[in-house]
């Protein structure tokens, strides 16, 4: 592995280690009760070093889902190469996430996952920071959809609808899990709800349900 590759691996490990320490402290004591200085001390790094990795305290938590920020865009891009339309590809991907109990779908009842989402949705500043994450997800997806739609505004409107559907489906699954329902009891309803939601998207965005055209605009 090159020196650049080794540096990147070390950087990723630092991100993960500091985030894990922070999330553990926040779950144990509450987000507002733990200072950034305390997180830095627990991670054995300086406060300025921590801020080089995480510009805001909330980023220590949202790092856990940062890899999903451009997930929808990646799915659409990969599907285009396979000749699969965006909406069927995104629906298939969401169902695969449910089957794998991917925490981002809300369908996961592991105690650590439940604690993490209770922290996330129970802390107003984290919820506010989450909106920025969703906006960036919309922007990335809009860029990926622009070839299937008349213009950039249509792509942004479509992306907003798709990201909202994914968010609402996940939040509903999480709401039921948080209320004490078993994951396996929620799974069937979650799959059916995803089917209904993507059918509604398909009816309103029919051009995203067809196989991508190889013709240029």
N, C-alpha and C. Protein backbone atom coordinates (compact mmCIF):
# COMPACT_ATOMS: atom_id res chain seq x y z
N UNK A 1 0.84 -1.19 0.00
CA UNK A 1 0.00 0.00 0.00
C UNK A 1 0.88 1.25 0.00
N UNK A 2 0.48 2.27 -0.76
CA UNK A 2 1.25 3.50 -0.86
C UNK A 2 1.19 4.28 0.45
N UNK A 3 2.13 5.23 0.58
CA UNK A 3 2.13 6.08 1.77
C UNK A 3 0.85 6.88 1.88
N UNK A 4 0.34 7.33 0.72
CA UNK A 4 -0.93 8.07 0.72
C UNK A 4 -2.07 7.18 1.22
N UNK A 5 -2.09 5.93 0.77
CA UNK A 5 -3.13 5.00 1.21
C UNK A 5 -3.05 4.71 2.69
N UNK A 6 -1.84 4.59 3.21
CA UNK A 6 -1.67 4.34 4.64
C UNK A 6 -2.15 5.53 5.47
N UNK A 7 -1.84 6.74 4.98
CA UNK A 7 -2.30 7.94 5.69
C UNK A 7 -3.83 8.00 5.71
N UNK A 8 -4.46 7.64 4.59
CA UNK A 8 -5.92 7.67 4.53
C UNK A 8 -6.53 6.64 5.48
N UNK A 9 -5.93 5.46 5.55
CA UNK A 9 -6.43 4.44 6.48
C UNK A 9 -6.30 4.93 7.92
N UNK A 10 -5.17 5.54 8.24
CA UNK A 10 -4.97 6.06 9.59
C UNK A 10 -5.99 7.15 9.90
N UNK A 11 -6.26 7.98 8.92
CA UNK A 11 -7.24 9.06 9.09
C UNK A 11 -8.63 8.50 9.36
N UNK A 12 -9.02 7.49 8.58
CA UNK A 12 -10.34 6.88 8.79
C UNK A 12 -10.43 6.22 10.16
N UNK A 13 -9.36 5.56 10.58
CA UNK A 13 -9.37 4.92 11.90
C UNK A 13 -9.52 5.97 13.00
N UNK A 14 -8.87 7.12 12.83
CA UNK A 14 -8.99 8.19 13.81
C UNK A 14 -10.44 8.68 13.88
N UNK A 15 -11.05 8.92 12.72
CA UNK A 15 -12.45 9.33 12.68
C UNK A 15 -13.32 8.35 13.46
N UNK A 16 -13.17 7.08 13.16
CA UNK A 16 -14.03 6.07 13.76
C UNK A 16 -13.79 5.95 15.27
N UNK A 17 -12.52 5.98 15.67
CA UNK A 17 -12.21 5.82 17.08
C UNK A 17 -12.75 6.99 17.91
N UNK A 18 -12.54 8.21 17.43
CA UNK A 18 -13.01 9.38 18.18
C UNK A 18 -14.53 9.43 18.20
N UNK A 19 -15.16 9.13 17.07
CA UNK A 19 -16.63 9.11 17.03
C UNK A 19 -17.19 8.07 17.98
N UNK A 20 -16.59 6.88 18.00
CA UNK A 20 -17.08 5.82 18.89
C UNK A 20 -16.99 6.24 20.36
N UNK A 21 -15.87 6.87 20.72
CA UNK A 21 -15.71 7.33 22.11
C UNK A 21 -16.75 8.39 22.43
N UNK A 22 -16.94 9.33 21.51
CA UNK A 22 -17.91 10.41 21.76
C UNK A 22 -19.32 9.86 21.90
N UNK A 23 -19.73 8.99 20.98
CA UNK A 23 -21.09 8.45 21.03
C UNK A 23 -21.31 7.69 22.34
N UNK A 24 -20.31 6.92 22.76
CA UNK A 24 -20.45 6.19 24.03
C UNK A 24 -20.68 7.16 25.19
N UNK A 25 -19.89 8.23 25.25
CA UNK A 25 -20.05 9.21 26.33
C UNK A 25 -21.41 9.91 26.25
N UNK A 26 -21.83 10.26 25.04
CA UNK A 26 -23.11 10.96 24.87
C UNK A 26 -24.27 10.07 25.30
N UNK A 27 -24.20 8.79 24.95
CA UNK A 27 -25.28 7.86 25.33
C UNK A 27 -25.31 7.68 26.84
N UNK A 28 -24.13 7.59 27.44
CA UNK A 28 -24.06 7.38 28.89
C UNK A 28 -24.54 8.59 29.68
N UNK A 29 -24.19 9.80 29.23
CA UNK A 29 -24.40 10.99 30.06
C UNK A 29 -25.29 12.04 29.42
N UNK A 30 -25.58 11.92 28.12
CA UNK A 30 -26.37 12.93 27.43
C UNK A 30 -25.48 13.83 26.60
N UNK A 31 -25.96 14.22 25.43
CA UNK A 31 -25.16 15.00 24.50
C UNK A 31 -24.72 16.33 25.10
N UNK A 32 -25.64 17.03 25.74
CA UNK A 32 -25.33 18.36 26.26
C UNK A 32 -24.47 18.31 27.52
N UNK A 33 -24.43 17.15 28.17
CA UNK A 33 -23.69 17.05 29.43
C UNK A 33 -22.21 16.74 29.23
N UNK A 34 -21.84 16.40 28.02
CA UNK A 34 -20.44 16.05 27.72
C UNK A 34 -19.83 17.14 26.84
N UNK A 35 -18.71 17.68 27.26
CA UNK A 35 -18.06 18.74 26.49
C UNK A 35 -17.13 18.14 25.44
N UNK A 36 -16.80 18.96 24.45
CA UNK A 36 -15.83 18.54 23.44
C UNK A 36 -14.48 18.28 24.09
N UNK A 37 -14.13 19.07 25.08
CA UNK A 37 -12.85 18.87 25.77
C UNK A 37 -12.80 17.50 26.44
N UNK A 38 -13.91 17.06 27.01
CA UNK A 38 -13.96 15.75 27.65
C UNK A 38 -13.81 14.63 26.61
N UNK A 39 -14.41 14.81 25.45
CA UNK A 39 -14.26 13.82 24.38
C UNK A 39 -12.81 13.75 23.94
N UNK A 40 -12.19 14.91 23.75
CA UNK A 40 -10.80 14.95 23.33
C UNK A 40 -9.90 14.27 24.36
N UNK A 41 -10.15 14.53 25.64
CA UNK A 41 -9.34 13.91 26.69
C UNK A 41 -9.51 12.39 26.68
N UNK A 42 -10.75 11.92 26.51
CA UNK A 42 -11.00 10.48 26.49
C UNK A 42 -10.34 9.82 25.28
N UNK A 43 -10.25 10.56 24.18
CA UNK A 43 -9.62 10.04 22.97
C UNK A 43 -8.11 10.25 22.96
N UNK A 44 -7.61 10.95 23.99
CA UNK A 44 -6.18 11.22 24.12
C UNK A 44 -5.63 12.04 22.95
N UNK A 45 -6.41 13.04 22.55
CA UNK A 45 -5.96 14.00 21.54
C UNK A 45 -6.29 15.39 22.05
N UNK A 46 -5.71 16.40 21.43
CA UNK A 46 -6.00 17.77 21.84
C UNK A 46 -7.35 18.21 21.26
N UNK A 47 -7.91 19.24 21.88
CA UNK A 47 -9.16 19.79 21.38
C UNK A 47 -9.00 20.35 19.96
N UNK A 48 -7.91 21.09 19.65
CA UNK A 48 -7.74 21.55 18.26
C UNK A 48 -7.64 20.40 17.27
N UNK A 49 -6.99 19.31 17.66
CA UNK A 49 -6.91 18.15 16.77
C UNK A 49 -8.28 17.57 16.51
N UNK A 50 -9.10 17.48 17.57
CA UNK A 50 -10.46 16.96 17.39
C UNK A 50 -11.23 17.81 16.39
N UNK A 51 -11.10 19.12 16.51
CA UNK A 51 -11.85 20.00 15.61
C UNK A 51 -11.33 19.94 14.18
N UNK A 52 -10.11 19.50 13.99
CA UNK A 52 -9.63 19.30 12.62
C UNK A 52 -10.36 18.14 11.95
N UNK A 53 -10.76 17.17 12.74
CA UNK A 53 -11.50 16.03 12.20
C UNK A 53 -13.01 16.29 12.18
N UNK A 54 -13.49 16.95 13.22
CA UNK A 54 -14.93 17.16 13.38
C UNK A 54 -15.19 18.65 13.63
N UNK A 55 -15.59 19.40 12.60
CA UNK A 55 -15.77 20.85 12.75
C UNK A 55 -16.80 21.25 13.80
N UNK A 56 -17.78 20.39 14.06
CA UNK A 56 -18.81 20.70 15.04
C UNK A 56 -19.02 19.49 15.96
N UNK A 57 -19.46 19.75 17.16
CA UNK A 57 -19.70 18.68 18.12
C UNK A 57 -20.67 17.66 17.56
N UNK A 58 -21.70 18.13 16.86
CA UNK A 58 -22.72 17.23 16.31
C UNK A 58 -22.14 16.25 15.30
N UNK A 59 -21.06 16.65 14.63
CA UNK A 59 -20.44 15.79 13.63
C UNK A 59 -19.85 14.53 14.26
N UNK A 60 -19.53 14.57 15.53
CA UNK A 60 -19.04 13.39 16.23
C UNK A 60 -20.07 12.27 16.20
N UNK A 61 -21.33 12.64 16.20
CA UNK A 61 -22.41 11.65 16.15
C UNK A 61 -22.78 11.31 14.71
N UNK A 62 -22.94 12.34 13.89
CA UNK A 62 -23.40 12.11 12.52
C UNK A 62 -22.37 11.41 11.65
N UNK A 63 -21.12 11.34 12.13
CA UNK A 63 -20.12 10.57 11.39
C UNK A 63 -20.58 9.13 11.19
N UNK A 64 -21.38 8.61 12.12
CA UNK A 64 -21.86 7.23 12.04
C UNK A 64 -22.68 6.98 10.77
N UNK A 65 -23.34 8.02 10.27
CA UNK A 65 -24.18 7.83 9.07
C UNK A 65 -23.63 8.59 7.87
N UNK A 66 -22.44 9.16 8.01
CA UNK A 66 -21.89 9.99 6.93
C UNK A 66 -21.70 9.21 5.64
N UNK A 67 -21.39 7.92 5.73
CA UNK A 67 -21.18 7.12 4.52
C UNK A 67 -22.45 7.00 3.69
N UNK A 68 -23.60 7.22 4.32
CA UNK A 68 -24.87 7.09 3.60
C UNK A 68 -25.29 8.38 2.90
N UNK A 69 -24.53 9.44 3.08
CA UNK A 69 -24.94 10.75 2.56
C UNK A 69 -25.16 10.73 1.05
N UNK A 70 -24.32 10.05 0.32
CA UNK A 70 -24.44 9.99 -1.14
C UNK A 70 -24.89 8.60 -1.62
N UNK A 71 -25.47 7.85 -0.72
CA UNK A 71 -25.86 6.47 -1.04
C UNK A 71 -26.87 6.41 -2.18
N UNK A 72 -27.93 7.22 -2.12
CA UNK A 72 -28.95 7.19 -3.18
C UNK A 72 -28.35 7.55 -4.52
N UNK A 73 -27.47 8.54 -4.54
CA UNK A 73 -26.81 8.93 -5.79
C UNK A 73 -25.97 7.78 -6.34
N UNK A 74 -25.25 7.09 -5.46
CA UNK A 74 -24.43 5.96 -5.91
C UNK A 74 -25.29 4.84 -6.48
N UNK A 75 -26.44 4.59 -5.86
CA UNK A 75 -27.33 3.54 -6.35
C UNK A 75 -27.81 3.87 -7.76
N UNK A 76 -28.22 5.12 -7.98
CA UNK A 76 -28.71 5.53 -9.30
C UNK A 76 -27.61 5.44 -10.35
N UNK A 77 -26.43 5.88 -9.99
CA UNK A 77 -25.32 5.85 -10.95
C UNK A 77 -24.96 4.41 -11.33
N UNK A 78 -24.91 3.53 -10.34
CA UNK A 78 -24.59 2.13 -10.62
C UNK A 78 -25.70 1.47 -11.44
N UNK A 79 -26.96 1.82 -11.13
CA UNK A 79 -28.09 1.23 -11.85
C UNK A 79 -28.09 1.65 -13.31
N UNK A 80 -27.71 2.90 -13.58
CA UNK A 80 -27.67 3.38 -14.96
C UNK A 80 -26.71 2.52 -15.78
N UNK A 81 -25.58 2.17 -15.20
CA UNK A 81 -24.60 1.34 -15.90
C UNK A 81 -25.16 -0.06 -16.19
N UNK A 82 -26.11 -0.50 -15.37
CA UNK A 82 -26.72 -1.81 -15.55
C UNK A 82 -27.99 -1.75 -16.40
N UNK A 83 -28.39 -0.53 -16.81
CA UNK A 83 -29.61 -0.38 -17.58
C UNK A 83 -30.88 -0.47 -16.75
N UNK A 84 -30.77 -0.17 -15.45
CA UNK A 84 -31.92 -0.22 -14.53
C UNK A 84 -32.36 1.20 -14.23
N UNK A 85 -33.67 1.42 -14.24
CA UNK A 85 -34.22 2.76 -13.97
C UNK A 85 -34.00 3.16 -12.51
N UNK A 86 -33.95 4.47 -12.22
CA UNK A 86 -33.64 4.93 -10.87
C UNK A 86 -34.59 4.44 -9.78
N UNK A 87 -35.90 4.59 -9.99
CA UNK A 87 -36.83 4.22 -8.92
C UNK A 87 -36.82 2.74 -8.61
N UNK A 88 -36.88 1.85 -9.60
CA UNK A 88 -36.77 0.42 -9.27
C UNK A 88 -35.46 0.09 -8.55
N UNK A 89 -34.39 0.75 -8.95
CA UNK A 89 -33.10 0.49 -8.30
C UNK A 89 -33.12 0.94 -6.84
N UNK A 90 -33.68 2.12 -6.59
CA UNK A 90 -33.74 2.62 -5.22
C UNK A 90 -34.68 1.80 -4.36
N UNK A 91 -35.79 1.35 -4.93
CA UNK A 91 -36.71 0.48 -4.21
C UNK A 91 -36.02 -0.83 -3.85
N UNK A 92 -35.36 -1.43 -4.82
CA UNK A 92 -34.64 -2.68 -4.59
C UNK A 92 -33.58 -2.50 -3.50
N UNK A 93 -32.88 -1.37 -3.54
CA UNK A 93 -31.84 -1.11 -2.55
C UNK A 93 -32.43 -0.97 -1.15
N UNK A 94 -33.57 -0.29 -1.05
CA UNK A 94 -34.20 -0.13 0.26
C UNK A 94 -34.66 -1.47 0.81
N UNK A 95 -35.23 -2.31 -0.04
CA UNK A 95 -35.65 -3.64 0.40
C UNK A 95 -34.46 -4.48 0.85
N UNK A 96 -33.34 -4.35 0.13
CA UNK A 96 -32.14 -5.07 0.54
C UNK A 96 -31.67 -4.60 1.91
N UNK A 97 -31.79 -3.28 2.16
CA UNK A 97 -31.43 -2.75 3.47
C UNK A 97 -32.31 -3.30 4.57
N UNK A 98 -33.60 -3.43 4.30
CA UNK A 98 -34.52 -4.02 5.28
C UNK A 98 -34.13 -5.47 5.56
N UNK A 99 -33.84 -6.21 4.50
CA UNK A 99 -33.47 -7.62 4.65
C UNK A 99 -32.21 -7.78 5.48
N UNK A 100 -31.29 -6.84 5.33
CA UNK A 100 -30.02 -6.89 6.06
C UNK A 100 -30.09 -6.22 7.43
N UNK A 101 -31.27 -5.69 7.78
CA UNK A 101 -31.44 -4.94 9.03
C UNK A 101 -30.44 -3.79 9.12
N UNK A 102 -30.23 -3.11 7.99
CA UNK A 102 -29.35 -1.95 7.97
C UNK A 102 -29.95 -0.87 8.87
N UNK A 103 -29.21 -0.39 9.86
CA UNK A 103 -29.78 0.62 10.77
C UNK A 103 -30.34 1.84 10.07
N UNK A 104 -29.80 2.20 8.89
CA UNK A 104 -30.28 3.40 8.21
C UNK A 104 -31.72 3.26 7.75
N UNK A 105 -32.24 2.03 7.65
CA UNK A 105 -33.65 1.82 7.29
C UNK A 105 -34.58 1.92 8.51
N UNK A 106 -34.00 2.05 9.69
CA UNK A 106 -34.80 2.08 10.91
C UNK A 106 -35.19 0.72 11.43
N UNK A 107 -34.91 -0.34 10.67
CA UNK A 107 -35.34 -1.69 11.04
C UNK A 107 -34.18 -2.45 11.67
N UNK A 108 -33.86 -2.08 12.88
CA UNK A 108 -32.80 -2.76 13.61
C UNK A 108 -33.06 -2.55 15.09
N UNK A 109 -33.16 -3.64 15.85
CA UNK A 109 -33.49 -3.52 17.26
C UNK A 109 -32.32 -3.87 18.18
N UNK A 110 -31.10 -3.85 17.64
CA UNK A 110 -29.94 -4.08 18.49
C UNK A 110 -29.87 -2.97 19.54
N UNK A 111 -29.57 -3.30 20.78
CA UNK A 111 -29.56 -2.27 21.84
C UNK A 111 -28.67 -1.07 21.53
N UNK A 112 -27.50 -1.30 20.94
CA UNK A 112 -26.61 -0.18 20.64
C UNK A 112 -27.19 0.71 19.54
N UNK A 113 -27.87 0.10 18.57
CA UNK A 113 -28.50 0.87 17.50
C UNK A 113 -29.66 1.69 18.07
N UNK A 114 -30.45 1.05 18.93
CA UNK A 114 -31.57 1.77 19.54
C UNK A 114 -31.07 2.95 20.38
N UNK A 115 -29.98 2.73 21.10
CA UNK A 115 -29.43 3.82 21.92
C UNK A 115 -28.92 4.95 21.04
N UNK A 116 -28.29 4.60 19.92
CA UNK A 116 -27.77 5.63 19.03
C UNK A 116 -28.91 6.48 18.46
N UNK A 117 -29.96 5.84 17.97
CA UNK A 117 -31.05 6.60 17.38
C UNK A 117 -31.85 7.37 18.43
N UNK A 118 -31.92 6.84 19.64
CA UNK A 118 -32.56 7.61 20.71
C UNK A 118 -31.77 8.89 20.98
N UNK A 119 -30.45 8.77 20.94
CA UNK A 119 -29.59 9.95 21.09
C UNK A 119 -29.80 10.92 19.94
N UNK A 120 -29.79 10.41 18.72
CA UNK A 120 -29.90 11.26 17.54
C UNK A 120 -31.22 12.01 17.52
N UNK A 121 -32.34 11.29 17.62
CA UNK A 121 -33.65 11.92 17.49
C UNK A 121 -34.09 12.62 18.77
N UNK A 122 -33.41 12.34 19.87
CA UNK A 122 -33.78 12.97 21.13
C UNK A 122 -32.99 14.22 21.46
N UNK A 123 -32.08 14.62 20.55
CA UNK A 123 -31.25 15.79 20.79
C UNK A 123 -31.53 16.83 19.71
N UNK A 124 -32.17 17.95 20.06
CA UNK A 124 -32.57 18.94 19.04
C UNK A 124 -31.43 19.41 18.14
N UNK A 125 -30.25 19.64 18.69
CA UNK A 125 -29.15 20.14 17.86
C UNK A 125 -28.69 19.08 16.86
N UNK A 126 -28.82 17.81 17.21
CA UNK A 126 -28.46 16.74 16.26
C UNK A 126 -29.51 16.64 15.16
N UNK A 127 -30.76 16.79 15.52
CA UNK A 127 -31.83 16.77 14.51
C UNK A 127 -31.64 17.92 13.53
N UNK A 128 -31.28 19.09 14.05
CA UNK A 128 -31.04 20.25 13.18
C UNK A 128 -29.87 19.99 12.25
N UNK A 129 -28.80 19.41 12.77
CA UNK A 129 -27.63 19.10 11.95
C UNK A 129 -27.97 18.05 10.89
N UNK A 130 -28.89 17.16 11.24
CA UNK A 130 -29.30 16.11 10.31
C UNK A 130 -29.93 16.69 9.05
N UNK A 131 -30.58 17.84 9.16
CA UNK A 131 -31.20 18.45 7.99
C UNK A 131 -30.15 18.82 6.94
N UNK A 132 -28.97 19.25 7.38
CA UNK A 132 -27.90 19.54 6.44
C UNK A 132 -27.45 18.28 5.70
N UNK A 133 -27.39 17.20 6.41
CA UNK A 133 -27.06 15.90 5.81
C UNK A 133 -28.08 15.54 4.73
N UNK A 134 -29.36 15.74 5.04
CA UNK A 134 -30.42 15.41 4.08
C UNK A 134 -30.36 16.32 2.85
N UNK A 135 -30.04 17.59 3.07
CA UNK A 135 -29.92 18.52 1.94
C UNK A 135 -28.78 18.11 1.01
N UNK A 136 -27.67 17.69 1.59
CA UNK A 136 -26.55 17.25 0.76
C UNK A 136 -26.90 15.95 0.03
N UNK A 137 -27.67 15.08 0.67
CA UNK A 137 -28.12 13.85 0.01
C UNK A 137 -29.00 14.19 -1.19
N UNK A 138 -29.90 15.17 -1.01
CA UNK A 138 -30.76 15.61 -2.11
C UNK A 138 -29.94 16.17 -3.26
N UNK A 139 -28.95 16.99 -2.93
CA UNK A 139 -28.13 17.59 -3.97
C UNK A 139 -27.36 16.55 -4.77
N UNK A 140 -26.80 15.57 -4.09
CA UNK A 140 -26.06 14.51 -4.79
C UNK A 140 -26.99 13.68 -5.66
N UNK A 141 -28.17 13.37 -5.14
CA UNK A 141 -29.12 12.58 -5.92
C UNK A 141 -29.62 13.38 -7.12
N UNK A 142 -29.88 14.66 -6.93
CA UNK A 142 -30.32 15.50 -8.05
C UNK A 142 -29.28 15.49 -9.17
N UNK A 143 -28.02 15.58 -8.82
CA UNK A 143 -26.96 15.53 -9.83
C UNK A 143 -26.99 14.20 -10.59
N UNK A 144 -27.30 13.13 -9.86
CA UNK A 144 -27.33 11.80 -10.50
C UNK A 144 -28.56 11.61 -11.38
N UNK A 145 -29.63 12.38 -11.11
CA UNK A 145 -30.89 12.21 -11.85
C UNK A 145 -31.04 13.15 -13.04
N UNK A 146 -30.16 14.13 -13.15
CA UNK A 146 -30.39 15.20 -14.11
C UNK A 146 -30.47 14.68 -15.55
N UNK A 147 -29.82 13.58 -15.87
CA UNK A 147 -29.87 13.04 -17.23
C UNK A 147 -31.23 12.46 -17.59
N UNK A 148 -32.02 12.07 -16.57
CA UNK A 148 -33.33 11.48 -16.84
C UNK A 148 -34.46 12.50 -16.86
N UNK A 149 -34.17 13.74 -16.49
CA UNK A 149 -35.22 14.74 -16.31
C UNK A 149 -34.93 15.97 -17.16
N UNK A 150 -35.97 16.80 -17.41
CA UNK A 150 -35.80 17.93 -18.34
C UNK A 150 -34.76 18.95 -17.92
N UNK A 151 -34.66 19.25 -16.62
CA UNK A 151 -33.70 20.26 -16.20
C UNK A 151 -33.32 20.06 -14.74
N UNK A 152 -32.44 20.91 -14.25
CA UNK A 152 -31.90 20.76 -12.91
C UNK A 152 -32.96 20.94 -11.84
N UNK A 153 -33.94 21.83 -12.08
CA UNK A 153 -34.99 22.03 -11.08
C UNK A 153 -35.84 20.77 -10.94
N UNK A 154 -36.21 20.16 -12.07
CA UNK A 154 -36.97 18.92 -12.00
C UNK A 154 -36.19 17.84 -11.25
N UNK A 155 -34.88 17.79 -11.49
CA UNK A 155 -34.06 16.80 -10.81
C UNK A 155 -34.04 17.05 -9.30
N UNK A 156 -33.96 18.32 -8.91
CA UNK A 156 -33.94 18.65 -7.48
C UNK A 156 -35.29 18.34 -6.83
N UNK A 157 -36.38 18.65 -7.54
CA UNK A 157 -37.71 18.34 -7.00
C UNK A 157 -37.89 16.83 -6.82
N UNK A 158 -37.44 16.08 -7.81
CA UNK A 158 -37.55 14.62 -7.72
C UNK A 158 -36.70 14.08 -6.58
N UNK A 159 -35.47 14.58 -6.47
CA UNK A 159 -34.58 14.12 -5.41
C UNK A 159 -35.16 14.41 -4.03
N UNK A 160 -35.78 15.59 -3.88
CA UNK A 160 -36.38 15.93 -2.60
C UNK A 160 -37.48 14.95 -2.21
N UNK A 161 -38.29 14.56 -3.18
CA UNK A 161 -39.36 13.60 -2.91
C UNK A 161 -38.79 12.23 -2.52
N UNK A 162 -37.79 11.80 -3.25
CA UNK A 162 -37.22 10.47 -2.98
C UNK A 162 -36.54 10.42 -1.62
N UNK A 163 -35.74 11.42 -1.30
CA UNK A 163 -35.07 11.44 0.00
C UNK A 163 -36.09 11.53 1.13
N UNK A 164 -37.16 12.29 0.92
CA UNK A 164 -38.20 12.40 1.95
C UNK A 164 -38.88 11.05 2.17
N UNK A 165 -39.16 10.33 1.10
CA UNK A 165 -39.79 9.01 1.23
C UNK A 165 -38.89 8.06 2.01
N UNK A 166 -37.62 8.02 1.66
CA UNK A 166 -36.69 7.15 2.38
C UNK A 166 -36.62 7.52 3.86
N UNK A 167 -36.59 8.82 4.13
CA UNK A 167 -36.52 9.27 5.53
C UNK A 167 -37.77 8.88 6.30
N UNK A 168 -38.93 9.11 5.70
CA UNK A 168 -40.19 8.82 6.40
C UNK A 168 -40.35 7.32 6.64
N UNK A 169 -40.00 6.51 5.66
CA UNK A 169 -40.08 5.06 5.84
C UNK A 169 -39.18 4.62 7.00
N UNK A 170 -37.95 5.14 7.03
CA UNK A 170 -37.02 4.76 8.09
C UNK A 170 -37.51 5.25 9.46
N UNK A 171 -38.03 6.46 9.51
CA UNK A 171 -38.50 6.99 10.78
C UNK A 171 -39.70 6.21 11.31
N UNK A 172 -40.58 5.77 10.42
CA UNK A 172 -41.72 4.96 10.85
C UNK A 172 -41.25 3.62 11.40
N UNK A 173 -40.29 3.00 10.73
CA UNK A 173 -39.75 1.74 11.25
C UNK A 173 -39.11 1.95 12.61
N UNK A 174 -38.32 3.03 12.74
CA UNK A 174 -37.67 3.31 14.01
C UNK A 174 -38.69 3.60 15.10
N UNK A 175 -39.75 4.33 14.76
CA UNK A 175 -40.78 4.66 15.76
C UNK A 175 -41.36 3.39 16.36
N UNK A 176 -41.63 2.41 15.52
CA UNK A 176 -42.22 1.16 16.02
C UNK A 176 -41.21 0.35 16.83
N UNK A 177 -39.96 0.32 16.37
CA UNK A 177 -38.93 -0.38 17.13
C UNK A 177 -38.73 0.28 18.49
N UNK A 178 -38.68 1.61 18.51
CA UNK A 178 -38.49 2.34 19.76
C UNK A 178 -39.65 2.12 20.72
N UNK A 179 -40.84 1.85 20.16
CA UNK A 179 -42.02 1.61 21.00
C UNK A 179 -42.03 0.20 21.56
N UNK A 180 -41.06 -0.62 21.17
CA UNK A 180 -40.94 -1.96 21.75
C UNK A 180 -41.34 -3.11 20.85
N UNK A 181 -41.71 -2.83 19.60
CA UNK A 181 -42.07 -3.92 18.70
C UNK A 181 -40.83 -4.68 18.25
N UNK A 182 -41.01 -5.97 18.01
CA UNK A 182 -39.91 -6.80 17.53
C UNK A 182 -39.63 -6.50 16.06
N UNK A 183 -38.34 -6.56 15.71
CA UNK A 183 -37.94 -6.27 14.35
C UNK A 183 -38.67 -7.15 13.34
N UNK A 184 -38.78 -8.44 13.65
CA UNK A 184 -39.42 -9.36 12.71
C UNK A 184 -40.92 -9.09 12.57
N UNK A 185 -41.53 -8.51 13.59
CA UNK A 185 -42.95 -8.17 13.50
C UNK A 185 -43.17 -6.92 12.65
N UNK A 186 -42.15 -6.09 12.54
CA UNK A 186 -42.26 -4.85 11.76
C UNK A 186 -41.87 -5.06 10.30
N UNK A 187 -41.04 -6.06 10.03
CA UNK A 187 -40.43 -6.22 8.71
C UNK A 187 -41.45 -6.29 7.58
N UNK A 188 -42.50 -7.11 7.73
CA UNK A 188 -43.49 -7.26 6.66
C UNK A 188 -44.17 -5.95 6.33
N UNK A 189 -44.57 -5.22 7.37
CA UNK A 189 -45.22 -3.92 7.15
C UNK A 189 -44.24 -2.93 6.51
N UNK A 190 -42.98 -3.01 6.91
CA UNK A 190 -41.98 -2.10 6.36
C UNK A 190 -41.78 -2.35 4.87
N UNK A 191 -41.76 -3.61 4.46
CA UNK A 191 -41.62 -3.94 3.05
C UNK A 191 -42.84 -3.49 2.26
N UNK A 192 -44.03 -3.70 2.83
CA UNK A 192 -45.25 -3.28 2.14
C UNK A 192 -45.33 -1.76 2.03
N UNK A 193 -44.93 -1.07 3.09
CA UNK A 193 -44.95 0.40 3.06
C UNK A 193 -43.99 0.93 2.01
N UNK A 194 -42.83 0.30 1.90
CA UNK A 194 -41.87 0.72 0.87
C UNK A 194 -42.45 0.51 -0.52
N UNK A 195 -43.15 -0.60 -0.71
CA UNK A 195 -43.77 -0.84 -2.00
C UNK A 195 -44.80 0.23 -2.35
N UNK A 196 -45.64 0.59 -1.39
CA UNK A 196 -46.64 1.63 -1.63
C UNK A 196 -45.98 2.98 -1.91
N UNK A 197 -44.96 3.30 -1.13
CA UNK A 197 -44.31 4.60 -1.28
C UNK A 197 -43.62 4.74 -2.63
N UNK A 198 -42.93 3.70 -3.05
CA UNK A 198 -42.24 3.79 -4.34
C UNK A 198 -43.23 3.72 -5.50
N UNK A 199 -44.39 3.10 -5.29
CA UNK A 199 -45.43 3.12 -6.32
C UNK A 199 -45.97 4.54 -6.51
N UNK A 200 -46.14 5.25 -5.40
CA UNK A 200 -46.59 6.65 -5.48
C UNK A 200 -45.54 7.49 -6.19
N UNK A 201 -44.28 7.29 -5.84
CA UNK A 201 -43.21 8.02 -6.54
C UNK A 201 -43.22 7.71 -8.03
N UNK A 202 -43.43 6.44 -8.37
CA UNK A 202 -43.44 6.05 -9.77
C UNK A 202 -44.58 6.68 -10.54
N UNK A 203 -45.72 6.83 -9.88
CA UNK A 203 -46.87 7.45 -10.55
C UNK A 203 -46.62 8.93 -10.82
N UNK A 204 -45.93 9.59 -9.90
CA UNK A 204 -45.67 11.02 -10.06
C UNK A 204 -44.42 11.32 -10.87
N UNK A 205 -43.53 10.35 -10.94
CA UNK A 205 -42.26 10.53 -11.66
C UNK A 205 -42.05 9.37 -12.63
N UNK A 206 -42.95 9.22 -13.60
CA UNK A 206 -42.89 8.04 -14.47
C UNK A 206 -41.58 7.92 -15.25
N UNK A 207 -40.95 9.05 -15.55
CA UNK A 207 -39.70 8.98 -16.31
C UNK A 207 -38.57 8.34 -15.52
N UNK A 208 -38.72 8.27 -14.21
CA UNK A 208 -37.70 7.63 -13.38
C UNK A 208 -37.98 6.15 -13.16
N UNK A 209 -39.10 5.69 -13.68
CA UNK A 209 -39.43 4.27 -13.57
C UNK A 209 -39.11 3.50 -14.83
N UNK A 210 -38.73 4.23 -15.87
CA UNK A 210 -38.37 3.58 -17.14
C UNK A 210 -36.87 3.36 -17.21
N UNK A 211 -36.49 2.38 -17.99
CA UNK A 211 -35.06 2.13 -18.19
C UNK A 211 -34.40 3.39 -18.76
N UNK A 212 -33.24 3.77 -18.25
CA UNK A 212 -32.58 4.98 -18.75
C UNK A 212 -32.30 4.87 -20.24
N UNK A 213 -32.51 5.98 -20.91
CA UNK A 213 -32.24 6.03 -22.34
C UNK A 213 -30.76 6.23 -22.58
N UNK A 214 -30.24 5.62 -23.62
CA UNK A 214 -28.84 5.82 -23.98
C UNK A 214 -28.67 7.02 -24.92
N UNK A 215 -29.83 7.62 -25.33
CA UNK A 215 -29.76 8.78 -26.21
C UNK A 215 -29.39 10.01 -25.41
N UNK A 216 -28.68 10.91 -26.05
CA UNK A 216 -28.37 12.19 -25.41
C UNK A 216 -29.55 13.11 -25.59
N UNK A 217 -29.59 14.14 -24.75
CA UNK A 217 -30.70 15.10 -24.82
C UNK A 217 -30.61 15.90 -26.10
